[in-house]
Amino acid sequence: LVELNGLGQKIGFVRVVEIVFHVKILRIGETGMENLCVSFEVGHLKTIFAQGNEITDEESDDEESISSTDSEEIDEKELITFYFNRGFSYNEIIQFLAKQHNFSISYRTLCRRLKSYGLYRQGFNEQVNSEDILEIVRRRITEIINGPGSCGGYRTVWHTLKMEGLQVPRIVVQEILKELDPEGTGRRKAHRLKRRQYHNPGPNHSWHMDGYDKLKPFGFPVHGAIDGFSRKILWLNVTRSNNSPDNIAQYYLNAVGEFNGCPKVLITDMGTENGLAASIQCYFRDELEAHRYVPSTRNQRIEAWWSFFVRNRSSWWRNHFKDMESEGMLDCAAEISMECLWYCFAELIQKDLDFVKEHWNCHRIRKSRHDTRSGRPDSLFFLPEHHGAINLLSMVPQEEIDYVSQHVVYRNSRNEYQEYFDYVMATLGLNRPTKWEEADNLYCQLMAIAENGA
């Protein structure tokens, strides 16, 4: 994984960005010392730590090769900053570092580190003048409300800023949002619902999965799954069809491979698209009761999350495509128009879904009288012992996952329309869009070429 000879110095640990799914023993040079490499995955961080002692050698050339990879390394400051910006408590940060990164740190040391980094829970970023950061925050909020983020309230915007490292009091965000978007602020008024209680003993006891069809008229059905205990979003994908059993089964398999196991119970509605995933779940558990069909109205965990998704994100995309249709840009009855829309917006929407997933998984769920655990979904899922619960994941051998992936799930190939648009993009030297405005322009340009041949 990494050449450790010739460092000529003492090191506590060496960090190497890699993706592995096993434990491996390394021996260092002729000294016979052993290092234990432990792999892990948290969100989008995939890192290996080689825990070691003193390593010496006469050569020093390797120091330059190690320093040349500094941009790829995830050091202590980056790890602490990553968890801090996502709002985890100090005790949760310590447990994440120990459990997921094999890196022990005391509470007092963490406090000293945070102080030296200028990271505080309240007030403004210490490294930046308060007037400067207010202007930065104002510009960033303007960008957020000029897109799908306009559906979220001030708490959502504040959490988004914090994830990006912009520390600012929540009341300031509330006032700026009132000033910049008075109409949107007026529309967002909470309506309390009377809910029944939900019981779940721990993470991975039950996964709830379902499709979201509100964007389907425009060719962007979405499929997602949520852990019943922690309310962590396990996957959230835009797909060609959320009625395809193979697509649904592939998302389920990806999650099983990511977590190295499956839930005790997989809960879905009675749609035929869920049959293959249900069969695979029962095969992994070797138990017929490992899957349960329920009416859509009883699949409450994922259904409740879809309502949040509508209020805070998807309604913007839906209105945007309706505007394109009413302005004559989009013809939902024309196949070429729908294929072009997919080509221009699919990656952009998936990127937005990835953001929504990460944003949700590290936001704080408040206490409720409805017998649900408070806390952040990632913390509830990865650190159940911190919340008085246990992980109920059923381990699945990699051989079984590989067998199902190779022999049961069929993968769809790309169609001719997408290959045509790839050809046009390459010929004209066009770039893929990174913002919705760029996607609009690219759609109009590709449609003009497809219809007129120029």
Protein backbone atom coordinates (compact mmCIF):
# COMPACT_ATOMS: atom_id res chain seq x y z
CA LEU A 1 0.00 0.00 0.00
CA VAL A 2 2.85 2.40 0.80
CA GLU A 3 6.66 2.11 0.94
CA LEU A 4 7.57 2.88 4.56
CA ASN A 5 11.38 2.30 4.39
CA GLY A 6 13.66 5.31 4.39
CA LEU A 7 11.47 7.79 6.22
CA GLY A 8 14.27 8.54 8.71
CA GLN A 9 11.85 9.79 11.33
CA LYS A 10 9.38 8.76 13.99
CA ILE A 11 5.77 8.67 12.92
CA GLY A 12 2.55 7.95 14.78
CA PHE A 13 0.61 6.92 11.72
CA VAL A 14 0.74 7.12 7.94
CA ARG A 15 -2.44 7.92 6.06
CA VAL A 16 -3.03 6.66 2.55
CA VAL A 17 -6.17 7.25 0.51
CA GLU A 18 -7.29 3.90 -0.86
CA ILE A 19 -10.38 1.70 -1.12
CA VAL A 20 -10.04 -1.75 0.46
CA PHE A 21 -12.40 -4.06 2.29
CA HIS A 22 -10.07 -6.30 4.32
CA VAL A 23 -7.48 -6.24 7.08
CA LYS A 24 -3.87 -6.78 6.02
CA ILE A 25 -0.56 -7.22 7.90
CA LEU A 26 2.53 -5.41 6.57
CA ARG A 27 6.16 -6.03 7.55
CA ILE A 28 8.62 -3.16 7.50
CA GLY A 29 12.11 -3.78 5.98
CA GLU A 30 14.46 -6.04 7.92
CA THR A 31 13.34 -4.93 11.37
CA GLY A 32 10.48 -7.38 11.44
CA MET A 33 8.07 -4.76 12.83
CA GLU A 34 4.44 -5.30 11.99
CA ASN A 35 1.86 -2.67 11.12
CA LEU A 36 -1.88 -3.27 11.12
CA CYS A 37 -3.81 -1.61 8.30
CA VAL A 38 -7.51 -1.11 8.95
CA SER A 39 -9.89 -0.01 6.21
CA PHE A 40 -13.12 1.88 6.78
CA GLU A 41 -15.68 4.07 5.09
CA VAL A 42 -17.62 7.05 6.49
CA GLY A 43 -19.72 9.05 4.05
CA HIS A 44 -17.38 9.96 1.20
CA LEU A 45 -14.17 9.46 3.25
CA LYS A 46 -12.29 6.25 2.42
CA THR A 47 -8.95 6.05 4.25
CA ILE A 48 -6.41 3.54 5.50
CA PHE A 49 -4.33 4.12 8.60
CA ALA A 50 -1.03 2.28 9.12
CA GLN A 51 -0.37 2.41 12.86
CA GLY A 52 3.34 2.05 13.61
CA ASN A 53 6.42 2.86 15.71
CA GLU A 54 9.88 4.26 14.89
CA ILE A 55 10.95 3.63 11.31
CA THR A 56 14.49 4.49 10.16
CA ASP A 57 16.62 4.01 7.11
CA GLU A 58 19.66 5.63 5.54
CA GLU A 59 17.82 6.76 2.42
CA SER A 60 15.86 10.01 2.46
CA ASP A 61 14.56 10.16 -1.10
CA ASP A 62 11.28 8.62 -0.03
CA GLU A 63 10.53 11.65 2.14
CA GLU A 64 10.02 13.67 -1.01
CA SER A 65 7.72 11.03 -2.49
CA ILE A 66 5.69 10.98 0.70
CA SER A 67 5.46 14.78 0.82
CA SER A 68 4.37 14.83 -2.82
CA THR A 69 1.20 13.01 -1.83
CA ASP A 70 0.25 15.52 0.89
CA SER A 71 -2.64 16.75 -1.23
CA GLU A 72 -4.13 13.25 -1.15
CA GLU A 73 -3.71 12.69 2.57
CA ILE A 74 -6.45 13.24 5.09
CA ASP A 75 -4.65 14.59 8.17
CA GLU A 76 -5.83 15.07 11.69
CA LYS A 77 -7.00 18.63 11.10
CA GLU A 78 -9.07 17.67 8.07
CA LEU A 79 -10.76 14.81 9.93
CA ILE A 80 -11.59 16.92 12.98
CA THR A 81 -12.78 19.81 10.80
CA PHE A 82 -14.90 17.44 8.69
CA TYR A 83 -16.84 16.11 11.71
CA PHE A 84 -16.97 19.50 13.44
CA ASN A 85 -18.51 21.23 10.41
CA ARG A 86 -21.19 18.55 10.27
CA GLY A 87 -22.29 19.44 13.77
CA PHE A 88 -21.30 16.33 15.69
CA SER A 89 -20.74 16.74 19.44
CA TYR A 90 -17.23 16.54 20.85
CA ASN A 91 -17.86 13.07 22.28
CA GLU A 92 -19.21 11.90 18.93
CA ILE A 93 -16.14 13.28 17.14
CA ILE A 94 -13.86 11.40 19.55
CA GLN A 95 -15.80 8.17 19.00
CA PHE A 96 -15.81 8.57 15.20
CA LEU A 97 -12.04 9.11 15.21
CA ALA A 98 -11.48 6.06 17.40
CA LYS A 99 -13.98 3.71 15.77
CA GLN A 100 -13.76 4.66 12.11
CA HIS A 101 -10.18 5.97 11.90
CA ASN A 102 -8.33 4.03 14.63
CA PHE A 103 -7.14 7.36 16.04
CA SER A 104 -7.48 8.05 19.78
CA ILE A 105 -7.70 11.56 21.18
CA SER A 106 -8.81 12.87 24.57
CA TYR A 107 -11.58 15.39 25.17
CA ARG A 108 -9.14 18.08 26.36
CA THR A 109 -6.83 17.48 23.40
CA LEU A 110 -9.77 17.82 21.02
CA CYS A 111 -10.73 21.13 22.64
CA ARG A 112 -7.17 22.40 22.26
CA ARG A 113 -7.09 21.29 18.61
CA LEU A 114 -10.37 23.05 17.85
CA LYS A 115 -9.14 26.23 19.53
CA SER A 116 -5.90 26.15 17.54
CA TYR A 117 -7.91 25.66 14.32
CA GLY A 118 -10.16 28.60 15.20
CA LEU A 119 -13.28 26.40 15.27
CA TYR A 120 -16.03 27.47 17.69
CA ARG A 121 -19.67 26.45 18.07
CA GLN A 122 -20.94 30.00 18.48
CA GLY A 123 -20.18 33.33 16.89
CA PHE A 124 -18.28 33.91 13.66
CA ASN A 125 -15.23 32.22 12.16
CA GLU A 126 -12.27 33.58 14.12
CA GLN A 127 -10.00 33.57 11.06
CA VAL A 128 -12.24 35.97 9.11
CA ASN A 129 -13.40 39.48 9.93
CA SER A 130 -17.10 39.47 10.89
CA GLU A 131 -17.95 42.09 8.24
CA ASP A 132 -16.17 40.08 5.56
CA ILE A 133 -17.86 36.84 6.54
CA LEU A 134 -21.27 38.53 6.56
CA GLU A 135 -20.72 39.56 2.95
CA ILE A 136 -19.56 36.02 2.07
CA VAL A 137 -22.60 34.53 3.82
CA ARG A 138 -24.94 36.95 2.06
CA ARG A 139 -23.54 35.98 -1.36
CA ARG A 140 -23.71 32.27 -0.55
CA ILE A 141 -27.32 32.50 0.67
CA THR A 142 -28.19 34.36 -2.53
CA GLU A 143 -26.75 31.45 -4.53
CA ILE A 144 -28.63 28.90 -2.42
CA ILE A 145 -32.05 30.55 -2.81
CA ASN A 146 -31.48 30.95 -6.55
CA GLY A 147 -31.83 27.20 -7.01
CA PRO A 148 -33.35 24.08 -5.46
CA GLY A 149 -32.13 25.22 -2.03
CA SER A 150 -34.78 27.95 -2.05
CA CYS A 151 -37.29 25.47 -0.60
CA GLY A 152 -35.38 25.12 2.69
CA GLY A 153 -35.85 27.25 5.79
CA TYR A 154 -33.21 29.14 7.74
CA ARG A 155 -32.17 26.07 9.76
CA THR A 156 -31.47 24.17 6.53
CA VAL A 157 -29.51 27.11 5.09
CA TRP A 158 -27.57 27.55 8.33
CA HIS A 159 -26.60 23.87 8.37
CA THR A 160 -25.54 24.08 4.71
CA LEU A 161 -23.26 27.02 5.51
CA LYS A 162 -21.79 25.18 8.48
CA MET A 163 -21.03 22.12 6.34
CA GLU A 164 -19.09 24.45 4.03
CA GLY A 165 -17.07 25.85 6.94
CA LEU A 166 -18.95 29.16 7.25
CA GLN A 167 -19.52 29.68 10.99
CA VAL A 168 -22.22 32.27 11.62
CA PRO A 169 -24.96 32.61 14.28
CA ARG A 170 -28.25 31.07 13.23
CA ILE A 171 -30.18 34.24 14.02
CA VAL A 172 -28.01 36.09 11.48
CA VAL A 173 -28.90 33.55 8.80
CA GLN A 174 -32.58 33.93 9.71
CA GLU A 175 -32.45 37.72 9.35
CA ILE A 176 -30.53 37.61 6.06
CA LEU A 177 -32.97 35.06 4.66
CA LYS A 178 -35.92 37.24 5.68
CA GLU A 179 -34.31 40.17 3.90
CA LEU A 180 -33.36 38.31 0.71
CA ASP A 181 -36.41 36.06 0.41
CA PRO A 182 -39.39 37.58 2.27
CA GLU A 183 -41.97 35.73 0.16
CA GLY A 184 -40.36 32.33 0.70
CA THR A 185 -40.00 33.00 4.43
CA GLY A 186 -43.69 33.82 4.64
CA ARG A 187 -44.66 30.60 2.87
CA ARG A 188 -42.67 28.36 5.20
CA LYS A 189 -44.88 27.96 8.23
CA ALA A 190 -44.81 24.76 10.25
CA HIS A 191 -47.94 22.60 10.41
CA ARG A 192 -47.93 20.06 13.23
CA LEU A 193 -49.34 16.63 12.46
CA LYS A 194 -50.66 14.03 14.85
CA ARG A 195 -48.41 11.00 14.42
CA ARG A 196 -48.52 7.47 15.72
CA GLN A 197 -45.51 6.05 17.58
CA TYR A 198 -42.79 4.13 15.76
CA HIS A 199 -40.64 1.49 17.49
CA ASN A 200 -37.23 0.30 16.28
CA PRO A 201 -34.53 -1.32 18.47
CA GLY A 202 -31.40 -0.26 16.59
CA PRO A 203 -29.66 0.57 13.29
CA ASN A 204 -29.99 -2.02 10.51
CA HIS A 205 -33.00 -3.64 12.11
CA SER A 206 -35.13 -2.44 9.21
CA TRP A 207 -34.50 -0.66 5.94
CA HIS A 208 -37.44 1.10 4.30
CA MET A 209 -37.18 1.67 0.54
CA ASP A 210 -39.53 3.27 -1.96
CA GLY A 211 -39.68 5.24 -5.20
CA TYR A 212 -40.49 8.92 -5.64
CA ASP A 213 -42.56 9.69 -8.75
CA LYS A 214 -43.16 13.46 -8.64
CA LEU A 215 -40.32 14.07 -11.13
CA LYS A 216 -41.22 11.03 -13.22
CA PRO A 217 -43.33 13.00 -15.78
CA PHE A 218 -40.09 14.74 -16.75
CA GLY A 219 -38.08 11.51 -16.94
CA PHE A 220 -36.38 11.65 -13.53
CA PRO A 221 -37.84 9.03 -11.18
CA VAL A 222 -35.97 8.81 -7.88
CA HIS A 223 -35.43 5.82 -5.61
CA GLY A 224 -34.30 5.88 -2.00
CA ALA A 225 -34.00 3.94 1.23
CA ILE A 226 -33.81 4.93 4.89
CA ASP A 227 -32.72 3.13 8.05
CA GLY A 228 -35.68 2.86 10.40
CA PHE A 229 -33.82 3.55 13.65
CA SER A 230 -31.32 6.25 12.72
CA ARG A 231 -33.24 7.73 9.77
CA LYS A 232 -29.99 7.72 7.81
CA ILE A 233 -30.55 7.89 4.05
CA LEU A 234 -28.85 4.77 2.67
CA TRP A 235 -29.20 5.66 -0.99
CA LEU A 236 -30.92 8.35 -3.04
CA ASN A 237 -30.59 7.91 -6.79
CA VAL A 238 -32.15 9.33 -9.92
CA THR A 239 -32.84 6.45 -12.27
CA ARG A 240 -34.19 5.74 -15.72
CA SER A 241 -36.98 3.74 -14.14
CA ASN A 242 -37.87 3.05 -10.52
CA ASN A 243 -40.24 0.35 -11.81
CA SER A 244 -37.34 -1.85 -12.93
CA PRO A 245 -36.65 -4.73 -10.50
CA ASP A 246 -33.01 -4.83 -11.65
CA ASN A 247 -32.44 -1.15 -10.85
CA ILE A 248 -33.94 -1.48 -7.38
CA ALA A 249 -32.01 -4.68 -6.69
CA GLN A 250 -28.75 -3.02 -7.77
CA TYR A 251 -29.24 -0.13 -5.32
CA TYR A 252 -29.96 -2.62 -2.54
CA LEU A 253 -26.87 -4.68 -3.47
CA ASN A 254 -24.67 -1.58 -3.48
CA ALA A 255 -25.78 -0.74 0.06
CA VAL A 256 -25.22 -4.32 1.26
CA GLY A 257 -21.72 -4.21 -0.22
CA GLU A 258 -21.02 -0.81 1.34
CA PHE A 259 -22.04 -1.88 4.85
CA ASN A 260 -20.91 -5.53 4.49
CA GLY A 261 -24.32 -6.77 5.53
CA CYS A 262 -28.09 -6.50 5.24
CA PRO A 263 -30.86 -5.50 7.65
CA LYS A 264 -32.89 -7.90 9.74
CA VAL A 265 -35.98 -6.84 7.80
CA LEU A 266 -36.39 -5.11 4.43
CA ILE A 267 -39.70 -3.23 4.20
CA THR A 268 -41.24 -2.21 0.87
CA ASP A 269 -44.63 -1.50 -0.62
CA MET A 270 -46.33 -4.13 -2.76
CA GLY A 271 -45.02 -2.95 -6.13
CA THR A 272 -43.71 -5.63 -8.48
CA GLU A 273 -40.44 -3.70 -8.85
CA ASN A 274 -39.50 -4.73 -5.30
CA GLY A 275 -39.75 -8.48 -5.90
CA LEU A 276 -36.13 -9.09 -6.89
CA ALA A 277 -34.67 -7.11 -3.99
CA ALA A 278 -37.05 -8.93 -1.63
CA SER A 279 -35.87 -12.31 -2.93
CA ILE A 280 -32.20 -11.35 -2.55
CA GLN A 281 -32.83 -10.16 1.02
CA CYS A 282 -34.44 -13.49 1.93
CA TYR A 283 -31.54 -15.34 0.27
CA PHE A 284 -28.97 -13.40 2.29
CA ARG A 285 -30.85 -13.98 5.56
CA ASP A 286 -32.01 -17.51 4.65
CA GLU A 287 -35.35 -16.58 6.13
CA LEU A 288 -38.72 -15.82 4.52
CA GLU A 289 -39.59 -13.28 7.22
CA ALA A 290 -36.55 -11.19 6.29
CA HIS A 291 -38.74 -9.13 3.94
CA ARG A 292 -42.13 -7.60 4.63
CA TYR A 293 -44.64 -6.10 2.19
CA VAL A 294 -46.74 -3.24 3.55
CA PRO A 295 -49.15 -0.73 1.96
CA SER A 296 -47.51 2.54 0.96
CA THR A 297 -49.35 4.33 3.76
CA ARG A 298 -47.72 2.00 6.31
CA ASN A 299 -44.19 2.41 4.97
CA GLN A 300 -44.05 5.52 7.11
CA ARG A 301 -40.32 6.13 7.52
CA ILE A 302 -39.55 6.63 3.82
CA GLU A 303 -42.95 8.17 3.04
CA ALA A 304 -42.41 10.77 5.77
CA TRP A 305 -39.00 11.55 4.33
CA TRP A 306 -40.44 12.06 0.84
CA SER A 307 -42.70 14.78 2.27
CA PHE A 308 -39.59 16.49 3.65
CA PHE A 309 -37.92 16.08 0.25
CA VAL A 310 -40.87 17.74 -1.50
CA ARG A 311 -40.89 20.73 0.85
CA ASN A 312 -37.15 21.29 0.89
CA ARG A 313 -35.83 20.30 -2.54
CA SER A 314 -37.73 18.50 -5.26
CA SER A 315 -40.51 21.06 -5.69
CA TRP A 316 -37.95 23.48 -7.13
CA TRP A 317 -36.91 21.01 -9.84
CA ARG A 318 -40.53 20.18 -10.58
CA ASN A 319 -41.45 23.85 -11.00
CA HIS A 320 -38.36 24.46 -13.14
CA PHE A 321 -39.29 21.72 -15.62
CA LYS A 322 -42.90 22.94 -15.67
CA ASP A 323 -41.61 26.41 -16.54
CA MET A 324 -39.52 24.94 -19.37
CA GLU A 325 -42.62 23.16 -20.65
CA SER A 326 -44.87 26.23 -20.44
CA GLU A 327 -42.26 28.35 -22.25
CA GLY A 328 -42.13 25.86 -25.13
CA MET A 329 -38.56 24.71 -24.44
CA LEU A 330 -39.61 21.21 -23.40
CA ASP A 331 -41.99 18.81 -25.14
CA CYS A 332 -42.69 15.89 -22.80
CA ALA A 333 -44.42 14.01 -25.64
CA ALA A 334 -41.28 14.00 -27.83
CA GLU A 335 -38.77 11.24 -27.16
CA ILE A 336 -35.79 13.26 -28.39
CA SER A 337 -36.73 16.13 -26.08
CA MET A 338 -36.96 13.85 -23.03
CA GLU A 339 -33.69 12.10 -23.88
CA CYS A 340 -31.94 15.45 -24.24
CA LEU A 341 -33.39 16.62 -20.93
CA TRP A 342 -32.02 13.49 -19.25
CA TYR A 343 -28.61 13.99 -20.83
CA CYS A 344 -28.35 17.59 -19.64
CA PHE A 345 -29.87 17.32 -16.17
CA ALA A 346 -29.43 13.75 -14.86
CA GLU A 347 -25.90 14.20 -13.49
CA LEU A 348 -26.82 17.59 -12.06
CA ILE A 349 -29.87 16.17 -10.27
CA GLN A 350 -27.84 13.23 -8.94
CA LYS A 351 -25.25 15.65 -7.59
CA ASP A 352 -28.06 17.56 -5.88
CA LEU A 353 -29.44 14.31 -4.43
CA ASP A 354 -25.99 13.44 -3.07
CA PHE A 355 -25.89 16.82 -1.35
CA VAL A 356 -29.38 16.34 0.11
CA LYS A 357 -28.36 12.90 1.39
CA GLU A 358 -25.21 14.17 3.11
CA HIS A 359 -26.98 17.25 4.45
CA TRP A 360 -29.74 15.13 5.98
CA ASN A 361 -27.43 12.48 7.41
CA CYS A 362 -25.46 14.98 9.50
CA HIS A 363 -28.28 17.34 10.54
CA ARG A 364 -29.69 17.13 14.06
CA ILE A 365 -33.10 15.53 14.60
CA ARG A 366 -34.78 17.15 17.58
CA LYS A 367 -36.37 15.31 20.47
CA SER A 368 -39.91 14.11 19.88
CA ARG A 369 -42.69 12.71 22.03
CA HIS A 370 -43.34 10.07 19.36
CA ASP A 371 -40.76 7.56 20.69
CA THR A 372 -38.04 8.41 18.17
CA ARG A 373 -34.36 8.99 19.00
CA SER A 374 -32.93 12.47 18.74
CA GLY A 375 -29.49 13.03 17.27
CA ARG A 376 -27.75 13.07 13.91
CA PRO A 377 -28.55 10.14 11.58
CA ASP A 378 -24.88 9.34 10.90
CA SER A 379 -24.13 9.27 14.63
CA LEU A 380 -27.19 7.13 15.39
CA PHE A 381 -26.22 4.73 12.59
CA PHE A 382 -22.45 4.41 13.09
CA LEU A 383 -22.31 4.98 16.88
CA PRO A 384 -25.42 3.21 18.23
CA GLU A 385 -23.73 2.46 21.58
CA HIS A 386 -23.44 6.22 22.14
CA HIS A 387 -27.26 6.37 22.04
CA GLY A 388 -28.02 3.25 24.08
CA ALA A 389 -28.67 0.92 21.13
CA ILE A 390 -26.86 -1.89 19.28
CA ASN A 391 -26.05 -2.50 15.63
CA LEU A 392 -28.34 -5.25 14.27
CA LEU A 393 -26.61 -5.67 10.90
CA SER A 394 -26.68 -9.22 9.50
CA MET A 395 -23.27 -9.92 7.97
CA VAL A 396 -23.26 -11.16 4.36
CA PRO A 397 -20.21 -12.95 2.87
CA GLN A 398 -18.66 -11.14 -0.07
CA GLU A 399 -18.95 -14.35 -2.13
CA GLU A 400 -22.75 -14.24 -1.87
CA ILE A 401 -22.85 -10.56 -2.84
CA ASP A 402 -20.62 -11.24 -5.87
CA TYR A 403 -22.70 -14.24 -6.93
CA VAL A 404 -25.97 -12.30 -6.86
CA SER A 405 -24.39 -9.34 -8.63
CA GLN A 406 -23.04 -11.52 -11.46
CA HIS A 407 -25.88 -13.99 -11.95
CA VAL A 408 -29.11 -12.37 -10.78
CA VAL A 409 -29.07 -8.62 -11.49
CA TYR A 410 -29.14 -7.48 -15.12
CA ARG A 411 -27.43 -4.18 -15.97
CA ASN A 412 -28.95 -1.95 -18.62
CA SER A 413 -26.73 -0.51 -21.33
CA ARG A 414 -26.84 3.09 -22.60
CA ASN A 415 -29.18 3.90 -25.46
CA GLU A 416 -28.42 5.40 -28.87
CA TYR A 417 -29.67 8.88 -27.96
CA GLN A 418 -27.12 9.24 -25.18
CA GLU A 419 -24.34 8.03 -27.49
CA TYR A 420 -25.45 10.59 -30.08
CA PHE A 421 -25.30 13.44 -27.56
CA ASP A 422 -21.86 12.25 -26.43
CA TYR A 423 -20.71 12.42 -30.05
CA VAL A 424 -22.06 15.96 -30.49
CA MET A 425 -20.44 17.12 -27.25
CA ALA A 426 -17.06 15.66 -28.24
CA THR A 427 -17.25 17.07 -31.77
CA LEU A 428 -18.07 20.60 -30.62
CA GLY A 429 -15.82 20.49 -27.56
CA LEU A 430 -18.68 21.25 -25.17
CA ASN A 431 -18.45 20.76 -21.40
CA ARG A 432 -20.96 19.05 -19.11
CA PRO A 433 -23.01 21.54 -17.07
CA THR A 434 -22.26 22.21 -13.41
CA LYS A 435 -25.19 24.58 -12.76
CA TRP A 436 -28.84 24.50 -13.75
CA GLU A 437 -28.41 27.62 -15.92
CA GLU A 438 -25.67 25.86 -17.89
CA ALA A 439 -27.90 22.79 -18.24
CA ASP A 440 -30.69 24.98 -19.66
CA ASN A 441 -28.33 26.44 -22.26
CA LEU A 442 -26.88 23.06 -23.20
CA TYR A 443 -30.38 21.60 -23.60
CA CYS A 444 -31.39 24.37 -26.02
CA GLN A 445 -28.14 24.00 -27.96
CA LEU A 446 -28.37 20.21 -28.30
CA MET A 447 -32.05 20.34 -29.25
CA ALA A 448 -31.30 22.88 -31.99
CA ILE A 449 -28.58 20.61 -33.36
CA ALA A 450 -30.78 17.51 -33.16
CA GLU A 451 -33.71 19.20 -34.92
CA ASN A 452 -31.81 21.23 -37.52
CA GLY A 453 -28.61 19.25 -37.91
CA ALA A 454 -26.47 22.30 -37.17
